[in-house]
């Protein structure tokens, strides 16, 4: 049986493209210290009920639900651009 999960989604000004899905059952202070440091001041973007039918732009909903269920959070990082862009090449 799959359980739907209520969560809040936060962004940070410290790391572009980083988003934190935080289960409503967990507080920010309960996160691992390195994650708290990465995020610093968190900015709430939205609240979301994550279900198996939820469509997410860049994340696989099953992975998000597993992470929320097992650890109370899911960290979404900006996708890596093509190698040439990352290296500063215009290929």
N, C-alpha and C. Protein backbone atom coordinates (compact mmCIF):
# COMPACT_ATOMS: atom_id res chain seq x y z
N UNK A 1 0.84 -1.18 0.00
CA UNK A 1 0.00 0.00 0.00
C UNK A 1 0.89 1.25 0.00
N UNK A 2 0.66 2.12 -0.93
CA UNK A 2 1.43 3.35 -1.04
C UNK A 2 0.75 4.46 -0.25
N UNK A 3 1.54 5.18 0.51
CA UNK A 3 1.02 6.27 1.32
C UNK A 3 1.36 7.60 0.66
N UNK A 4 0.39 8.47 0.54
CA UNK A 4 0.65 9.81 0.03
C UNK A 4 1.40 10.60 1.10
N UNK A 5 2.26 11.51 0.68
CA UNK A 5 3.11 12.22 1.63
C UNK A 5 2.97 13.73 1.47
N UNK A 6 2.60 14.40 2.54
CA UNK A 6 2.56 15.87 2.56
C UNK A 6 3.98 16.38 2.81
N UNK A 7 4.39 17.34 2.00
CA UNK A 7 5.71 17.91 2.21
C UNK A 7 5.72 19.39 1.84
N UNK A 8 6.76 20.05 2.29
CA UNK A 8 7.03 21.42 1.89
C UNK A 8 8.28 21.39 1.03
N UNK A 9 8.33 22.28 0.05
CA UNK A 9 9.50 22.36 -0.82
C UNK A 9 10.16 23.71 -0.57
N UNK A 10 11.47 23.65 -0.32
CA UNK A 10 12.25 24.84 -0.01
C UNK A 10 13.36 25.02 -1.03
N UNK A 11 13.76 26.27 -1.24
CA UNK A 11 14.94 26.56 -2.03
C UNK A 11 15.89 27.35 -1.14
N UNK A 12 17.09 27.58 -1.65
CA UNK A 12 18.09 28.34 -0.91
C UNK A 12 18.78 29.30 -1.87
N UNK A 13 19.25 30.40 -1.34
CA UNK A 13 20.03 31.33 -2.15
C UNK A 13 21.51 30.92 -2.18
N UNK A 14 21.88 29.93 -1.39
CA UNK A 14 23.28 29.52 -1.29
C UNK A 14 23.70 28.60 -2.43
N UNK A 15 22.76 27.85 -3.01
CA UNK A 15 23.09 26.86 -4.04
C UNK A 15 22.00 26.89 -5.10
N UNK A 16 22.32 27.48 -6.25
CA UNK A 16 21.32 27.62 -7.31
C UNK A 16 20.83 26.25 -7.77
N UNK A 17 19.52 26.15 -7.94
CA UNK A 17 18.91 24.92 -8.44
C UNK A 17 18.71 23.84 -7.39
N UNK A 18 19.03 24.13 -6.13
CA UNK A 18 18.84 23.14 -5.07
C UNK A 18 17.47 23.33 -4.43
N UNK A 19 16.75 22.24 -4.32
CA UNK A 19 15.44 22.25 -3.68
C UNK A 19 15.38 21.11 -2.67
N UNK A 20 14.75 21.37 -1.56
CA UNK A 20 14.62 20.38 -0.50
C UNK A 20 13.15 20.07 -0.30
N UNK A 21 12.78 18.81 -0.50
CA UNK A 21 11.44 18.32 -0.19
C UNK A 21 11.52 17.84 1.25
N UNK A 22 10.73 18.41 2.14
CA UNK A 22 10.77 18.06 3.55
C UNK A 22 9.40 17.57 3.99
N UNK A 23 9.35 16.31 4.44
CA UNK A 23 8.10 15.74 4.92
C UNK A 23 7.57 16.57 6.08
N UNK A 24 6.27 16.76 6.13
CA UNK A 24 5.64 17.55 7.19
C UNK A 24 5.92 16.96 8.57
N UNK A 25 6.27 15.68 8.64
CA UNK A 25 6.53 15.02 9.92
C UNK A 25 7.92 15.34 10.46
N UNK A 26 8.74 16.07 9.69
CA UNK A 26 10.11 16.36 10.08
C UNK A 26 10.33 17.87 10.10
N UNK A 27 11.13 18.34 11.04
CA UNK A 27 11.45 19.77 11.06
C UNK A 27 12.85 19.97 10.48
N UNK A 28 13.12 21.17 10.01
CA UNK A 28 14.41 21.49 9.41
C UNK A 28 15.55 21.20 10.39
N UNK A 29 15.32 21.44 11.68
CA UNK A 29 16.36 21.23 12.71
C UNK A 29 16.72 19.76 12.89
N UNK A 30 15.86 18.86 12.38
CA UNK A 30 16.14 17.42 12.50
C UNK A 30 16.97 16.88 11.33
N UNK A 31 17.23 17.72 10.33
CA UNK A 31 18.02 17.29 9.17
C UNK A 31 19.49 17.13 9.56
N UNK A 32 20.24 16.32 8.80
CA UNK A 32 21.68 16.20 9.07
C UNK A 32 22.35 17.58 8.99
N UNK A 33 23.31 17.83 9.86
CA UNK A 33 23.99 19.13 9.94
C UNK A 33 24.56 19.60 8.60
N UNK A 34 25.20 18.74 7.79
CA UNK A 34 25.73 19.22 6.50
C UNK A 34 24.63 19.74 5.58
N UNK A 35 23.47 19.13 5.62
CA UNK A 35 22.35 19.58 4.80
C UNK A 35 21.82 20.92 5.31
N UNK A 36 21.74 21.08 6.62
CA UNK A 36 21.33 22.36 7.19
C UNK A 36 22.30 23.46 6.78
N UNK A 37 23.59 23.15 6.78
CA UNK A 37 24.61 24.14 6.40
C UNK A 37 24.51 24.48 4.92
N UNK A 38 24.27 23.48 4.08
CA UNK A 38 24.13 23.71 2.64
C UNK A 38 22.98 24.67 2.36
N UNK A 39 21.88 24.47 3.08
CA UNK A 39 20.70 25.28 2.83
C UNK A 39 20.71 26.61 3.55
N UNK A 40 21.28 26.65 4.74
CA UNK A 40 21.26 27.92 5.48
C UNK A 40 19.82 28.37 5.67
N UNK A 41 19.52 29.59 5.23
CA UNK A 41 18.15 30.09 5.32
C UNK A 41 17.32 29.46 4.21
N UNK A 42 16.32 28.71 4.59
CA UNK A 42 15.46 28.05 3.61
C UNK A 42 14.27 28.95 3.26
N UNK A 43 13.91 28.94 1.98
CA UNK A 43 12.80 29.76 1.49
C UNK A 43 11.72 28.79 0.99
N UNK A 44 10.56 28.82 1.64
CA UNK A 44 9.49 27.89 1.23
C UNK A 44 8.93 28.32 -0.12
N UNK A 45 8.90 27.36 -1.04
CA UNK A 45 8.40 27.60 -2.39
C UNK A 45 6.95 27.17 -2.51
N UNK A 46 6.64 26.01 -1.92
CA UNK A 46 5.27 25.49 -2.01
C UNK A 46 5.10 24.30 -1.09
N UNK A 47 3.83 23.94 -0.89
CA UNK A 47 3.48 22.71 -0.21
C UNK A 47 2.93 21.77 -1.27
N UNK A 48 3.16 20.48 -1.07
CA UNK A 48 2.78 19.50 -2.08
C UNK A 48 2.36 18.19 -1.43
N UNK A 49 1.30 17.60 -1.94
CA UNK A 49 0.93 16.25 -1.58
C UNK A 49 1.51 15.35 -2.67
N UNK A 50 2.51 14.57 -2.30
CA UNK A 50 3.18 13.69 -3.26
C UNK A 50 2.47 12.35 -3.28
N UNK A 51 2.00 11.96 -4.45
CA UNK A 51 1.32 10.69 -4.66
C UNK A 51 2.04 9.96 -5.79
N UNK A 52 1.77 8.68 -5.97
CA UNK A 52 2.39 7.97 -7.09
C UNK A 52 2.05 8.59 -8.45
N UNK A 53 0.96 9.34 -8.52
CA UNK A 53 0.55 9.97 -9.79
C UNK A 53 1.06 11.39 -9.95
N UNK A 54 1.80 11.90 -8.97
CA UNK A 54 2.34 13.26 -9.05
C UNK A 54 3.37 13.32 -10.17
N UNK A 55 3.27 14.35 -11.00
CA UNK A 55 4.25 14.56 -12.07
C UNK A 55 5.20 15.65 -11.62
N UNK A 56 6.48 15.32 -11.55
CA UNK A 56 7.51 16.27 -11.15
C UNK A 56 8.38 16.58 -12.36
N UNK A 57 8.81 17.82 -12.48
CA UNK A 57 9.53 18.27 -13.67
C UNK A 57 10.86 17.54 -13.89
N UNK A 58 11.65 17.37 -12.83
CA UNK A 58 12.98 16.79 -13.03
C UNK A 58 13.26 15.57 -12.17
N UNK A 59 12.38 15.24 -11.26
CA UNK A 59 12.62 14.12 -10.34
C UNK A 59 11.66 12.97 -10.63
N UNK A 60 12.10 11.77 -10.31
CA UNK A 60 11.27 10.58 -10.45
C UNK A 60 10.47 10.44 -9.16
N UNK A 61 9.16 10.44 -9.28
CA UNK A 61 8.29 10.49 -8.10
C UNK A 61 8.52 9.32 -7.14
N UNK A 62 8.83 8.15 -7.66
CA UNK A 62 9.09 6.99 -6.79
C UNK A 62 10.29 7.21 -5.89
N UNK A 63 11.35 7.79 -6.44
CA UNK A 63 12.55 8.08 -5.66
C UNK A 63 12.26 9.14 -4.59
N UNK A 64 11.53 10.18 -4.98
CA UNK A 64 11.15 11.23 -4.03
C UNK A 64 10.33 10.63 -2.89
N UNK A 65 9.36 9.80 -3.22
CA UNK A 65 8.52 9.19 -2.18
C UNK A 65 9.33 8.27 -1.27
N UNK A 66 10.25 7.49 -1.86
CA UNK A 66 11.11 6.62 -1.05
C UNK A 66 11.94 7.43 -0.07
N UNK A 67 12.56 8.51 -0.58
CA UNK A 67 13.40 9.34 0.29
C UNK A 67 12.58 10.01 1.39
N UNK A 68 11.41 10.52 1.03
CA UNK A 68 10.55 11.15 2.03
C UNK A 68 10.11 10.14 3.09
N UNK A 69 9.78 8.93 2.67
CA UNK A 69 9.33 7.89 3.60
C UNK A 69 10.47 7.41 4.50
N UNK A 70 11.66 7.21 3.92
CA UNK A 70 12.76 6.59 4.66
C UNK A 70 13.61 7.57 5.46
N UNK A 71 13.78 8.79 4.95
CA UNK A 71 14.65 9.73 5.66
C UNK A 71 13.98 11.05 5.98
N UNK A 72 12.78 11.25 5.45
CA UNK A 72 12.03 12.47 5.77
C UNK A 72 12.31 13.64 4.85
N UNK A 73 13.25 13.47 3.91
CA UNK A 73 13.56 14.55 2.98
C UNK A 73 14.09 14.00 1.66
N UNK A 74 14.05 14.85 0.66
CA UNK A 74 14.65 14.54 -0.65
C UNK A 74 15.33 15.80 -1.13
N UNK A 75 16.58 15.69 -1.53
CA UNK A 75 17.35 16.83 -2.02
C UNK A 75 17.41 16.76 -3.54
N UNK A 76 16.93 17.81 -4.17
CA UNK A 76 16.96 17.93 -5.63
C UNK A 76 18.04 18.95 -5.99
N UNK A 77 19.00 18.52 -6.79
CA UNK A 77 20.06 19.43 -7.22
C UNK A 77 19.86 19.76 -8.69
N UNK A 78 20.41 20.90 -9.10
CA UNK A 78 20.30 21.32 -10.49
C UNK A 78 20.93 20.25 -11.37
N UNK A 79 20.24 19.85 -12.45
CA UNK A 79 20.81 18.84 -13.33
C UNK A 79 22.12 19.34 -13.95
N UNK A 80 23.04 18.41 -14.15
CA UNK A 80 24.32 18.75 -14.76
C UNK A 80 24.08 19.07 -16.23
N UNK A 81 24.61 20.18 -16.68
CA UNK A 81 24.48 20.58 -18.08
C UNK A 81 25.42 19.72 -18.92
N UNK A 82 25.31 19.83 -20.24
CA UNK A 82 26.20 19.06 -21.09
C UNK A 82 27.64 19.44 -20.79
N UNK A 83 28.56 18.53 -20.99
CA UNK A 83 29.96 18.71 -20.58
C UNK A 83 30.56 19.98 -21.15
N UNK A 84 30.31 20.31 -22.41
CA UNK A 84 30.87 21.51 -23.02
C UNK A 84 30.45 22.76 -22.30
N UNK A 85 29.19 22.84 -21.89
CA UNK A 85 28.71 24.02 -21.16
C UNK A 85 29.37 24.12 -19.80
N UNK A 86 29.49 22.99 -19.12
CA UNK A 86 30.09 22.97 -17.80
C UNK A 86 31.54 23.42 -17.88
N UNK A 87 32.22 23.02 -18.94
CA UNK A 87 33.62 23.38 -19.11
C UNK A 87 33.80 24.76 -19.75
N UNK A 88 32.71 25.42 -20.07
CA UNK A 88 32.79 26.74 -20.64
C UNK A 88 33.00 26.77 -22.15
N UNK A 89 32.76 25.65 -22.78
CA UNK A 89 32.91 25.57 -24.23
C UNK A 89 31.55 25.78 -24.89
N UNK A 90 31.56 26.32 -26.06
CA UNK A 90 30.32 26.53 -26.83
C UNK A 90 30.24 25.53 -27.95
N UNK A 91 30.24 24.26 -27.62
CA UNK A 91 30.19 23.20 -28.63
C UNK A 91 28.78 22.79 -28.91
